[in-house]
Amino acid sequence: MAKFSPLYEVPIEEADVDVRATFSVADKYDLGGPPGAFQQVTFDLHVTSPAPESQVAKLVAHAERACHAAQTFRAPVPVDLKATLNGQPLAPG
């Protein structure tokens, strides 16, 4: 948000975000059930600014579009694991 705040003429006095996710631990502990992927992610953003609400809303929307984490959760990408043991490739278990 700080990077884009000058574009929207929004001075930010304070901003913080609390990120929470829900997921099942069943697969993690071999209990059967759904995989351990997040089932929901919530970004709870708190902004203190003297700017008008409409300007802050535009800033927040822009910052969300530019957030790699939020966009990755919306459009998942392949994830690769490359592991080594003592400098040599480790075969998957």
C-alpha atoms as a PDB file:
ATOM      1  CA  MET A   1       0.000   0.000   0.000  1.00  0.00           C
ATOM      2  CA  ALA A   2       2.782   2.420   0.852  1.00  0.00           C
ATOM      3  CA  LYS A   3       4.195   2.143  -2.665  1.00  0.00           C
ATOM      4  CA  PHE A   4       0.894   3.103  -4.304  1.00  0.00           C
ATOM      5  CA  SER A   5      -0.419   5.612  -1.738  1.00  0.00           C
ATOM      6  CA  PRO A   6       1.044   8.666  -3.571  1.00  0.00           C
ATOM      7  CA  LEU A   7      -0.872   7.665  -6.736  1.00  0.00           C
ATOM      8  CA  TYR A   8      -4.164   8.021  -4.855  1.00  0.00           C
ATOM      9  CA  GLU A   9      -3.118  10.919  -2.614  1.00  0.00           C
ATOM     10  CA  VAL A  10      -3.688   8.770   0.464  1.00  0.00           C
ATOM     11  CA  PRO A  11      -1.422   9.516   3.417  1.00  0.00           C
ATOM     12  CA  ILE A  12      -1.142   6.402   5.549  1.00  0.00           C
ATOM     13  CA  GLU A  13      -0.780   7.053   9.254  1.00  0.00           C
ATOM     14  CA  GLU A  14      -0.927   3.377  10.127  1.00  0.00           C
ATOM     15  CA  ALA A  15      -1.688   0.110   8.352  1.00  0.00           C
ATOM     16  CA  ASP A  16      -1.581  -3.458   9.518  1.00  0.00           C
ATOM     17  CA  VAL A  17      -2.908  -6.721   8.233  1.00  0.00           C
ATOM     18  CA  ASP A  18      -3.827  -9.920  10.032  1.00  0.00           C
ATOM     19  CA  VAL A  19      -3.699 -12.982   7.768  1.00  0.00           C
ATOM     20  CA  ARG A  20      -5.623 -16.077   8.827  1.00  0.00           C
ATOM     21  CA  ALA A  21      -6.166 -19.376   7.068  1.00  0.00           C
ATOM     22  CA  THR A  22      -8.334 -22.408   7.713  1.00  0.00           C
ATOM     23  CA  PHE A  23      -7.284 -25.906   6.721  1.00  0.00           C
ATOM     24  CA  SER A  24      -7.672 -29.537   7.722  1.00  0.00           C
ATOM     25  CA  VAL A  25      -4.780 -31.280   9.495  1.00  0.00           C
ATOM     26  CA  ALA A  26      -6.142 -34.762   8.723  1.00  0.00           C
ATOM     27  CA  ASP A  27      -3.818 -35.473   5.780  1.00  0.00           C
ATOM     28  CA  LYS A  28      -0.827 -34.078   7.685  1.00  0.00           C
ATOM     29  CA  TYR A  29      -1.261 -36.759  10.349  1.00  0.00           C
ATOM     30  CA  ASP A  30      -2.320 -39.579   7.975  1.00  0.00           C
ATOM     31  CA  LEU A  31      -5.860 -39.530   9.369  1.00  0.00           C
ATOM     32  CA  GLY A  32      -7.540 -39.533   5.960  1.00  0.00           C
ATOM     33  CA  GLY A  33      -9.694 -36.651   4.904  1.00  0.00           C
ATOM     34  CA  PRO A  34      -9.023 -33.601   2.807  1.00  0.00           C
ATOM     35  CA  PRO A  35      -5.528 -32.503   1.799  1.00  0.00           C
ATOM     36  CA  GLY A  36      -3.774 -29.883   3.899  1.00  0.00           C
ATOM     37  CA  ALA A  37      -4.298 -27.030   1.425  1.00  0.00           C
ATOM     38  CA  PHE A  38      -5.853 -23.865   2.760  1.00  0.00           C
ATOM     39  CA  GLN A  39      -9.626 -23.932   2.559  1.00  0.00           C
ATOM     40  CA  GLN A  40      -9.896 -20.165   3.051  1.00  0.00           C
ATOM     41  CA  VAL A  41      -7.511 -17.245   3.538  1.00  0.00           C
ATOM     42  CA  THR A  42      -8.607 -13.934   5.063  1.00  0.00           C
ATOM     43  CA  PHE A  43      -6.595 -10.711   4.896  1.00  0.00           C
ATOM     44  CA  ASP A  44      -7.983  -8.405   7.615  1.00  0.00           C
ATOM     45  CA  LEU A  45      -6.608  -4.954   6.762  1.00  0.00           C
ATOM     46  CA  HIS A  46      -6.778  -1.971   9.130  1.00  0.00           C
ATOM     47  CA  VAL A  47      -5.869   1.475   7.765  1.00  0.00           C
ATOM     48  CA  THR A  48      -5.681   4.822   9.537  1.00  0.00           C
ATOM     49  CA  SER A  49      -5.721   7.765   7.126  1.00  0.00           C
ATOM     50  CA  PRO A  50      -7.306  11.222   6.861  1.00  0.00           C
ATOM     51  CA  ALA A  51      -8.025  10.539   3.154  1.00  0.00           C
ATOM     52  CA  PRO A  52     -11.592  10.128   1.893  1.00  0.00           C
ATOM     53  CA  GLU A  53     -13.008   6.604   1.988  1.00  0.00           C
ATOM     54  CA  SER A  54     -13.341   6.482  -1.810  1.00  0.00           C
ATOM     55  CA  GLN A  55      -9.613   7.166  -2.271  1.00  0.00           C
ATOM     56  CA  VAL A  56      -8.585   4.594   0.338  1.00  0.00           C
ATOM     57  CA  ALA A  57     -10.861   2.014  -1.326  1.00  0.00           C
ATOM     58  CA  LYS A  58      -9.151   2.642  -4.677  1.00  0.00           C
ATOM     59  CA  LEU A  59      -5.740   2.301  -3.041  1.00  0.00           C
ATOM     60  CA  VAL A  60      -6.697  -0.951  -1.310  1.00  0.00           C
ATOM     61  CA  ALA A  61      -8.043  -2.396  -4.577  1.00  0.00           C
ATOM     62  CA  HIS A  62      -4.802  -1.482  -6.384  1.00  0.00           C
ATOM     63  CA  ALA A  63      -2.635  -2.892  -3.605  1.00  0.00           C
ATOM     64  CA  GLU A  64      -4.611  -6.143  -3.633  1.00  0.00           C
ATOM     65  CA  ARG A  65      -4.172  -6.493  -7.401  1.00  0.00           C
ATOM     66  CA  ALA A  66      -0.430  -5.995  -6.912  1.00  0.00           C
ATOM     67  CA  CYS A  67      -0.179  -8.479  -4.016  1.00  0.00           C
ATOM     68  CA  HIS A  68       1.585 -11.617  -5.230  1.00  0.00           C
ATOM     69  CA  ALA A  69       0.331 -13.661  -2.272  1.00  0.00           C
ATOM     70  CA  ALA A  70      -3.335 -12.772  -2.787  1.00  0.00           C
ATOM     71  CA  GLN A  71      -3.138 -13.360  -6.529  1.00  0.00           C
ATOM     72  CA  THR A  72      -1.400 -16.714  -6.070  1.00  0.00           C
ATOM     73  CA  PHE A  73      -4.164 -17.899  -3.749  1.00  0.00           C
ATOM     74  CA  ARG A  74      -6.731 -16.894  -6.377  1.00  0.00           C
ATOM     75  CA  ALA A  75      -4.910 -18.575  -9.290  1.00  0.00           C
ATOM     76  CA  PRO A  76      -2.719 -21.356  -7.908  1.00  0.00           C
ATOM     77  CA  VAL A  77       0.566 -22.125  -9.621  1.00  0.00           C
ATOM     78  CA  PRO A  78       2.511 -25.377  -9.828  1.00  0.00           C
ATOM     79  CA  VAL A  79       4.850 -25.945  -6.907  1.00  0.00           C
ATOM     80  CA  ASP A  80       8.044 -27.958  -7.344  1.00  0.00           C
ATOM     81  CA  LEU A  81      10.198 -29.437  -4.586  1.00  0.00           C
ATOM     82  CA  LYS A  82      13.841 -30.065  -5.336  1.00  0.00           C
ATOM     83  CA  ALA A  83      15.655 -31.606  -2.384  1.00  0.00           C
ATOM     84  CA  THR A  84      19.268 -32.591  -1.922  1.00  0.00           C
ATOM     85  CA  LEU A  85      21.021 -34.765   0.621  1.00  0.00           C
ATOM     86  CA  ASN A  86      24.744 -34.201   1.087  1.00  0.00           C
ATOM     87  CA  GLY A  87      24.827 -32.281  -2.176  1.00  0.00           C
ATOM     88  CA  GLN A  88      23.109 -35.002  -4.197  1.00  0.00           C
ATOM     89  CA  PRO A  89      19.515 -35.024  -5.464  1.00  0.00           C
ATOM     90  CA  LEU A  90      17.142 -36.689  -3.025  1.00  0.00           C
ATOM     91  CA  ALA A  91      14.582 -38.995  -4.622  1.00  0.00           C
ATOM     92  CA  PRO A  92      10.982 -38.424  -3.471  1.00  0.00           C
ATOM     93  CA  GLY A  93       9.845 -40.764  -0.662  1.00  0.00           C
END
